[in-house]
């Protein structure tokens, strides 16, 4: 999963770099702000999962049974402490601490989950959610890269100097490389697995809400 996140982050970081060159040549608009900020948001989201108390979220296999167990247990707890969001263990820990509570104590007292089980499932589910959010950007990224490719390829190079022409050719080649790579990633088993896991999580949550 860590390798998968690195791939997505690299693809997202490519957009701001392209935007700088495209702005200079005045052939492509800047990337939307939300795409530019995805890397920062993702890094922050993953950072909350670092630490010894979060179990091994990269190795756990999410199933309807353990996901259902997780949401059922924290659902019961949330009804008693509605001011605390128990979905992400590290966020819940901070919020509980600010209210003078111990997240470990709350989990032990009000659920059948061990704290290790709770924090591991929490982080594993959060990582799927972050990955799904980034994957949902893939179509927009692909479209923007294709538009960039078209605009650069159609640029009138009559009055462009040798160095600037070489720069544009490099950007065009890099953009085409990124398009091919993104299309390959979008068809990969890792992408499909995240989509399946996210759909399963949604299905379990909806079932529990009935």
C-alpha atoms as a PDB file:
ATOM      1  CA  UNK A   1       0.000   0.000   0.000  1.00  0.00           C
ATOM      2  CA  UNK A   2       2.886   2.402   0.761  1.00  0.00           C
ATOM      3  CA  UNK A   3       4.265   1.806  -2.761  1.00  0.00           C
ATOM      4  CA  UNK A   4       0.809   2.481  -4.151  1.00  0.00           C
ATOM      5  CA  UNK A   5       0.593   5.845  -2.352  1.00  0.00           C
ATOM      6  CA  UNK A   6       4.033   6.808  -3.656  1.00  0.00           C
ATOM      7  CA  UNK A   7       2.865   6.146  -7.226  1.00  0.00           C
ATOM      8  CA  UNK A   8      -0.214   8.321  -6.775  1.00  0.00           C
ATOM      9  CA  UNK A   9       1.736  11.142  -5.141  1.00  0.00           C
ATOM     10  CA  UNK A  10       4.305  11.148  -7.964  1.00  0.00           C
ATOM     11  CA  UNK A  11       1.530  11.450 -10.532  1.00  0.00           C
ATOM     12  CA  UNK A  12      -0.095  14.305  -8.634  1.00  0.00           C
ATOM     13  CA  UNK A  13       3.187  16.145  -8.166  1.00  0.00           C
ATOM     14  CA  UNK A  14       3.715  16.057 -11.919  1.00  0.00           C
ATOM     15  CA  UNK A  15       0.855  18.504 -12.469  1.00  0.00           C
ATOM     16  CA  UNK A  16       2.354  21.554 -10.724  1.00  0.00           C
ATOM     17  CA  UNK A  17       5.632  20.988 -12.543  1.00  0.00           C
ATOM     18  CA  UNK A  18       3.879  20.930 -15.884  1.00  0.00           C
ATOM     19  CA  UNK A  19       1.888  24.027 -14.971  1.00  0.00           C
ATOM     20  CA  UNK A  20       5.042  26.083 -14.390  1.00  0.00           C
ATOM     21  CA  UNK A  21       6.459  25.333 -17.824  1.00  0.00           C
ATOM     22  CA  UNK A  22       3.090  25.713 -19.493  1.00  0.00           C
ATOM     23  CA  UNK A  23       2.554  29.106 -17.848  1.00  0.00           C
ATOM     24  CA  UNK A  24       5.912  30.268 -19.136  1.00  0.00           C
ATOM     25  CA  UNK A  25       5.028  29.237 -22.671  1.00  0.00           C
ATOM     26  CA  UNK A  26       1.451  30.518 -22.239  1.00  0.00           C
ATOM     27  CA  UNK A  27      -0.110  27.463 -23.826  1.00  0.00           C
ATOM     28  CA  UNK A  28      -1.770  25.742 -20.848  1.00  0.00           C
ATOM     29  CA  UNK A  29      -3.733  26.973 -17.837  1.00  0.00           C
ATOM     30  CA  UNK A  30      -2.535  26.259 -14.313  1.00  0.00           C
ATOM     31  CA  UNK A  31      -3.735  23.104 -12.604  1.00  0.00           C
ATOM     32  CA  UNK A  32      -6.770  23.530 -10.341  1.00  0.00           C
ATOM     33  CA  UNK A  33      -5.895  24.366  -6.746  1.00  0.00           C
ATOM     34  CA  UNK A  34      -7.519  21.226  -5.394  1.00  0.00           C
ATOM     35  CA  UNK A  35      -5.245  19.008  -7.462  1.00  0.00           C
ATOM     36  CA  UNK A  36      -2.173  21.010  -6.457  1.00  0.00           C
ATOM     37  CA  UNK A  37      -3.005  20.543  -2.788  1.00  0.00           C
ATOM     38  CA  UNK A  38      -3.768  16.821  -2.899  1.00  0.00           C
ATOM     39  CA  UNK A  39      -0.174  15.868  -2.120  1.00  0.00           C
ATOM     40  CA  UNK A  40      -0.123  17.980   1.045  1.00  0.00           C
ATOM     41  CA  UNK A  41      -3.505  16.722   2.205  1.00  0.00           C
ATOM     42  CA  UNK A  42      -2.526  13.123   1.535  1.00  0.00           C
ATOM     43  CA  UNK A  43       0.805  13.456   3.315  1.00  0.00           C
ATOM     44  CA  UNK A  44      -0.962  14.893   6.350  1.00  0.00           C
ATOM     45  CA  UNK A  45      -3.582  12.160   6.284  1.00  0.00           C
ATOM     46  CA  UNK A  46      -0.978   9.412   6.143  1.00  0.00           C
ATOM     47  CA  UNK A  47       1.166  11.050   8.810  1.00  0.00           C
ATOM     48  CA  UNK A  48      -1.505  10.484  11.446  1.00  0.00           C
ATOM     49  CA  UNK A  49      -1.003   6.774  10.929  1.00  0.00           C
ATOM     50  CA  UNK A  50       2.632   6.787  12.026  1.00  0.00           C
ATOM     51  CA  UNK A  51       3.387   5.406  15.446  1.00  0.00           C
ATOM     52  CA  UNK A  52       3.732   2.191  17.432  1.00  0.00           C
ATOM     53  CA  UNK A  53       0.116   2.096  18.616  1.00  0.00           C
ATOM     54  CA  UNK A  54      -1.411   1.762  15.175  1.00  0.00           C
ATOM     55  CA  UNK A  55      -0.768  -1.925  14.522  1.00  0.00           C
ATOM     56  CA  UNK A  56       0.168  -3.220  11.091  1.00  0.00           C
ATOM     57  CA  UNK A  57      -2.401  -1.591   8.837  1.00  0.00           C
ATOM     58  CA  UNK A  58      -0.442  -2.455   5.690  1.00  0.00           C
ATOM     59  CA  UNK A  59      -0.774  -6.195   6.294  1.00  0.00           C
ATOM     60  CA  UNK A  60      -4.305  -6.516   7.670  1.00  0.00           C
ATOM     61  CA  UNK A  61      -6.898  -7.871   5.245  1.00  0.00           C
ATOM     62  CA  UNK A  62     -10.107  -5.865   5.392  1.00  0.00           C
ATOM     63  CA  UNK A  63     -13.227  -8.018   5.234  1.00  0.00           C
ATOM     64  CA  UNK A  64     -16.934  -7.367   5.631  1.00  0.00           C
ATOM     65  CA  UNK A  65     -16.694  -9.071   9.020  1.00  0.00           C
ATOM     66  CA  UNK A  66     -13.910  -6.992  10.580  1.00  0.00           C
ATOM     67  CA  UNK A  67     -15.044  -3.757   8.923  1.00  0.00           C
ATOM     68  CA  UNK A  68     -18.581  -4.383  10.169  1.00  0.00           C
ATOM     69  CA  UNK A  69     -17.271  -5.163  13.642  1.00  0.00           C
ATOM     70  CA  UNK A  70     -15.257  -1.930  13.644  1.00  0.00           C
ATOM     71  CA  UNK A  71     -18.120   0.338  12.566  1.00  0.00           C
ATOM     72  CA  UNK A  72     -20.651  -1.365  14.838  1.00  0.00           C
ATOM     73  CA  UNK A  73     -18.414  -0.941  17.880  1.00  0.00           C
ATOM     74  CA  UNK A  74     -17.461   2.691  17.241  1.00  0.00           C
ATOM     75  CA  UNK A  75     -21.074   3.442  16.345  1.00  0.00           C
ATOM     76  CA  UNK A  76     -22.139   2.388  19.814  1.00  0.00           C
ATOM     77  CA  UNK A  77     -19.316   4.438  21.320  1.00  0.00           C
ATOM     78  CA  UNK A  78     -20.135   7.507  19.218  1.00  0.00           C
ATOM     79  CA  UNK A  79     -23.661   7.547  20.603  1.00  0.00           C
ATOM     80  CA  UNK A  80     -22.208   7.927  24.088  1.00  0.00           C
ATOM     81  CA  UNK A  81     -19.538  10.439  23.046  1.00  0.00           C
ATOM     82  CA  UNK A  82     -20.955  12.272  19.992  1.00  0.00           C
ATOM     83  CA  UNK A  83     -18.330  15.009  20.244  1.00  0.00           C
ATOM     84  CA  UNK A  84     -15.535  12.536  19.408  1.00  0.00           C
ATOM     85  CA  UNK A  85     -15.013  11.169  15.891  1.00  0.00           C
ATOM     86  CA  UNK A  86     -13.802   7.615  16.472  1.00  0.00           C
ATOM     87  CA  UNK A  87     -13.336   6.825  12.777  1.00  0.00           C
ATOM     88  CA  UNK A  88      -9.612   7.688  12.780  1.00  0.00           C
ATOM     89  CA  UNK A  89      -7.879   6.520  15.944  1.00  0.00           C
ATOM     90  CA  UNK A  90      -5.250   9.260  16.080  1.00  0.00           C
ATOM     91  CA  UNK A  91      -7.838  12.009  15.647  1.00  0.00           C
ATOM     92  CA  UNK A  92     -10.036  10.376  18.277  1.00  0.00           C
ATOM     93  CA  UNK A  93      -7.061  10.153  20.628  1.00  0.00           C
ATOM     94  CA  UNK A  94      -6.340  13.880  20.351  1.00  0.00           C
ATOM     95  CA  UNK A  95     -10.004  14.869  20.705  1.00  0.00           C
ATOM     96  CA  UNK A  96     -10.505  12.591  23.679  1.00  0.00           C
ATOM     97  CA  UNK A  97      -7.352  13.936  25.316  1.00  0.00           C
ATOM     98  CA  UNK A  98      -8.594  17.504  24.990  1.00  0.00           C
ATOM     99  CA  UNK A  99     -11.708  16.445  26.868  1.00  0.00           C
ATOM    100  CA  UNK A 100      -9.744  14.733  29.600  1.00  0.00           C
ATOM    101  CA  UNK A 101     -10.519  11.238  28.333  1.00  0.00           C
ATOM    102  CA  UNK A 102      -8.226   8.373  27.330  1.00  0.00           C
ATOM    103  CA  UNK A 103      -9.031   6.796  23.970  1.00  0.00           C
ATOM    104  CA  UNK A 104      -7.514   3.517  25.173  1.00  0.00           C
ATOM    105  CA  UNK A 105      -9.761   3.614  28.221  1.00  0.00           C
ATOM    106  CA  UNK A 106     -12.888   4.397  26.204  1.00  0.00           C
ATOM    107  CA  UNK A 107     -12.223   1.573  23.753  1.00  0.00           C
ATOM    108  CA  UNK A 108     -11.535  -0.898  26.563  1.00  0.00           C
ATOM    109  CA  UNK A 109     -14.574   0.141  28.614  1.00  0.00           C
ATOM    110  CA  UNK A 110     -17.228   0.551  25.938  1.00  0.00           C
ATOM    111  CA  UNK A 111     -16.299  -1.853  23.106  1.00  0.00           C
ATOM    112  CA  UNK A 112     -15.268  -5.460  22.561  1.00  0.00           C
ATOM    113  CA  UNK A 113     -12.262  -4.328  20.510  1.00  0.00           C
ATOM    114  CA  UNK A 114      -8.715  -4.332  21.788  1.00  0.00           C
ATOM    115  CA  UNK A 115      -7.002  -0.997  21.276  1.00  0.00           C
ATOM    116  CA  UNK A 116      -4.545  -2.585  18.829  1.00  0.00           C
ATOM    117  CA  UNK A 117      -7.431  -4.024  16.808  1.00  0.00           C
ATOM    118  CA  UNK A 118      -9.278  -0.701  16.855  1.00  0.00           C
ATOM    119  CA  UNK A 119      -6.278   1.394  15.804  1.00  0.00           C
ATOM    120  CA  UNK A 120      -5.129  -1.085  13.134  1.00  0.00           C
ATOM    121  CA  UNK A 121      -8.564  -1.324  11.522  1.00  0.00           C
ATOM    122  CA  UNK A 122      -8.997   2.437  11.798  1.00  0.00           C
ATOM    123  CA  UNK A 123      -5.764   3.154   9.957  1.00  0.00           C
ATOM    124  CA  UNK A 124      -6.325   0.454   7.332  1.00  0.00           C
ATOM    125  CA  UNK A 125      -9.772   1.848   6.523  1.00  0.00           C
ATOM    126  CA  UNK A 126      -8.444   5.425   6.503  1.00  0.00           C
ATOM    127  CA  UNK A 127      -5.734   4.459   4.016  1.00  0.00           C
ATOM    128  CA  UNK A 128      -8.309   2.929   1.688  1.00  0.00           C
ATOM    129  CA  UNK A 129     -10.364   6.115   1.945  1.00  0.00           C
ATOM    130  CA  UNK A 130      -7.375   8.325   1.128  1.00  0.00           C
ATOM    131  CA  UNK A 131      -6.384   6.081  -1.777  1.00  0.00           C
ATOM    132  CA  UNK A 132      -9.943   6.137  -3.134  1.00  0.00           C
ATOM    133  CA  UNK A 133     -10.049   9.935  -2.923  1.00  0.00           C
ATOM    134  CA  UNK A 134      -6.834  10.153  -4.902  1.00  0.00           C
ATOM    135  CA  UNK A 135      -8.001   7.592  -7.452  1.00  0.00           C
ATOM    136  CA  UNK A 136     -11.169   9.614  -7.958  1.00  0.00           C
ATOM    137  CA  UNK A 137      -8.882  12.430  -9.112  1.00  0.00           C
ATOM    138  CA  UNK A 138      -7.316  10.201 -11.769  1.00  0.00           C
ATOM    139  CA  UNK A 139      -9.912  10.968 -14.436  1.00  0.00           C
ATOM    140  CA  UNK A 140      -9.449  14.721 -13.930  1.00  0.00           C
ATOM    141  CA  UNK A 141      -5.665  14.348 -13.962  1.00  0.00           C
ATOM    142  CA  UNK A 142      -5.807  12.256 -17.128  1.00  0.00           C
ATOM    143  CA  UNK A 143      -8.038  14.807 -18.837  1.00  0.00           C
ATOM    144  CA  UNK A 144      -5.744  17.676 -17.882  1.00  0.00           C
ATOM    145  CA  UNK A 145      -2.647  15.850 -19.077  1.00  0.00           C
ATOM    146  CA  UNK A 146      -4.344  15.115 -22.408  1.00  0.00           C
ATOM    147  CA  UNK A 147      -5.322  18.775 -22.773  1.00  0.00           C
ATOM    148  CA  UNK A 148      -1.769  19.819 -21.938  1.00  0.00           C
ATOM    149  CA  UNK A 149      -0.406  17.416 -24.526  1.00  0.00           C
ATOM    150  CA  UNK A 150      -2.760  18.795 -27.183  1.00  0.00           C
ATOM    151  CA  UNK A 151      -1.989  22.453 -26.453  1.00  0.00           C
ATOM    152  CA  UNK A 152       1.760  21.949 -26.353  1.00  0.00           C
ATOM    153  CA  UNK A 153       1.697  19.885 -29.545  1.00  0.00           C
ATOM    154  CA  UNK A 154      -0.325  22.603 -31.311  1.00  0.00           C
ATOM    155  CA  UNK A 155       1.904  25.475 -30.146  1.00  0.00           C
ATOM    156  CA  UNK A 156       3.227  27.677 -32.955  1.00  0.00           C
ATOM    157  CA  UNK A 157       7.004  27.388 -32.701  1.00  0.00           C
ATOM    158  CA  UNK A 158       7.759  29.938 -35.419  1.00  0.00           C
ATOM    159  CA  UNK A 159       9.027  32.580 -32.998  1.00  0.00           C
ATOM    160  CA  UNK A 160      10.289  30.195 -30.343  1.00  0.00           C
ATOM    161  CA  UNK A 161      14.032  30.140 -29.671  1.00  0.00           C
ATOM    162  CA  UNK A 162      16.073  26.972 -29.773  1.00  0.00           C
ATOM    163  CA  UNK A 163      16.259  26.552 -26.006  1.00  0.00           C
ATOM    164  CA  UNK A 164      12.557  27.253 -25.482  1.00  0.00           C
ATOM    165  CA  UNK A 165      11.668  24.833 -28.262  1.00  0.00           C
ATOM    166  CA  UNK A 166      13.807  22.162 -26.642  1.00  0.00           C
ATOM    167  CA  UNK A 167      12.112  22.823 -23.301  1.00  0.00           C
ATOM    168  CA  UNK A 168       8.664  22.453 -24.849  1.00  0.00           C
ATOM    169  CA  UNK A 169       9.671  19.237 -26.568  1.00  0.00           C
ATOM    170  CA  UNK A 170      10.889  17.859 -23.241  1.00  0.00           C
ATOM    171  CA  UNK A 171       7.628  18.837 -21.533  1.00  0.00           C
ATOM    172  CA  UNK A 172       5.620  17.242 -24.349  1.00  0.00           C
ATOM    173  CA  UNK A 173       7.604  14.016 -24.116  1.00  0.00           C
ATOM    174  CA  UNK A 174       7.254  13.963 -20.327  1.00  0.00           C
ATOM    175  CA  UNK A 175       3.525  14.658 -20.510  1.00  0.00           C
ATOM    176  CA  UNK A 176       3.009  11.808 -22.963  1.00  0.00           C
ATOM    177  CA  UNK A 177       5.030   9.531 -20.702  1.00  0.00           C
ATOM    178  CA  UNK A 178       2.852  10.496 -17.729  1.00  0.00           C
ATOM    179  CA  UNK A 179      -0.320   9.837 -19.717  1.00  0.00           C
ATOM    180  CA  UNK A 180       0.819   6.339 -20.639  1.00  0.00           C
ATOM    181  CA  UNK A 181       1.906   5.637 -17.065  1.00  0.00           C
ATOM    182  CA  UNK A 182      -1.341   6.935 -15.556  1.00  0.00           C
ATOM    183  CA  UNK A 183      -3.442   4.891 -17.994  1.00  0.00           C
ATOM    184  CA  UNK A 184      -1.465   1.802 -17.025  1.00  0.00           C
ATOM    185  CA  UNK A 185      -1.903   2.538 -13.315  1.00  0.00           C
ATOM    186  CA  UNK A 186      -5.634   3.096 -13.727  1.00  0.00           C
ATOM    187  CA  UNK A 187      -5.907  -0.431 -15.121  1.00  0.00           C
ATOM    188  CA  UNK A 188      -3.705  -1.976 -12.419  1.00  0.00           C
ATOM    189  CA  UNK A 189      -4.799  -4.527  -9.836  1.00  0.00           C
ATOM    190  CA  UNK A 190      -3.906  -2.058  -7.051  1.00  0.00           C
ATOM    191  CA  UNK A 191      -6.372   0.516  -8.359  1.00  0.00           C
ATOM    192  CA  UNK A 192      -9.043  -2.156  -8.737  1.00  0.00           C
ATOM    193  CA  UNK A 193      -8.386  -3.471  -5.231  1.00  0.00           C
ATOM    194  CA  UNK A 194      -8.845  -0.027  -3.685  1.00  0.00           C
ATOM    195  CA  UNK A 195     -12.097   0.427  -5.606  1.00  0.00           C
ATOM    196  CA  UNK A 196     -13.363  -2.956  -4.377  1.00  0.00           C
ATOM    197  CA  UNK A 197     -12.343  -2.261  -0.781  1.00  0.00           C
ATOM    198  CA  UNK A 198     -13.936   1.182  -0.787  1.00  0.00           C
ATOM    199  CA  UNK A 199     -17.174  -0.237  -2.217  1.00  0.00           C
ATOM    200  CA  UNK A 200     -17.156  -2.957   0.447  1.00  0.00           C
ATOM    201  CA  UNK A 201     -16.662  -0.409   3.237  1.00  0.00           C
ATOM    202  CA  UNK A 202     -19.560   1.695   1.911  1.00  0.00           C
ATOM    203  CA  UNK A 203     -21.748  -1.398   1.626  1.00  0.00           C
ATOM    204  CA  UNK A 204     -21.058  -2.416   5.229  1.00  0.00           C
ATOM    205  CA  UNK A 205     -21.703   1.082   6.571  1.00  0.00           C
ATOM    206  CA  UNK A 206     -25.004   1.388   4.723  1.00  0.00           C
ATOM    207  CA  UNK A 207     -26.108  -1.989   6.038  1.00  0.00           C
ATOM    208  CA  UNK A 208     -25.370  -0.915   9.611  1.00  0.00           C
ATOM    209  CA  UNK A 209     -27.245   2.357   9.142  1.00  0.00           C
ATOM    210  CA  UNK A 210     -30.512   0.572   8.355  1.00  0.00           C
END
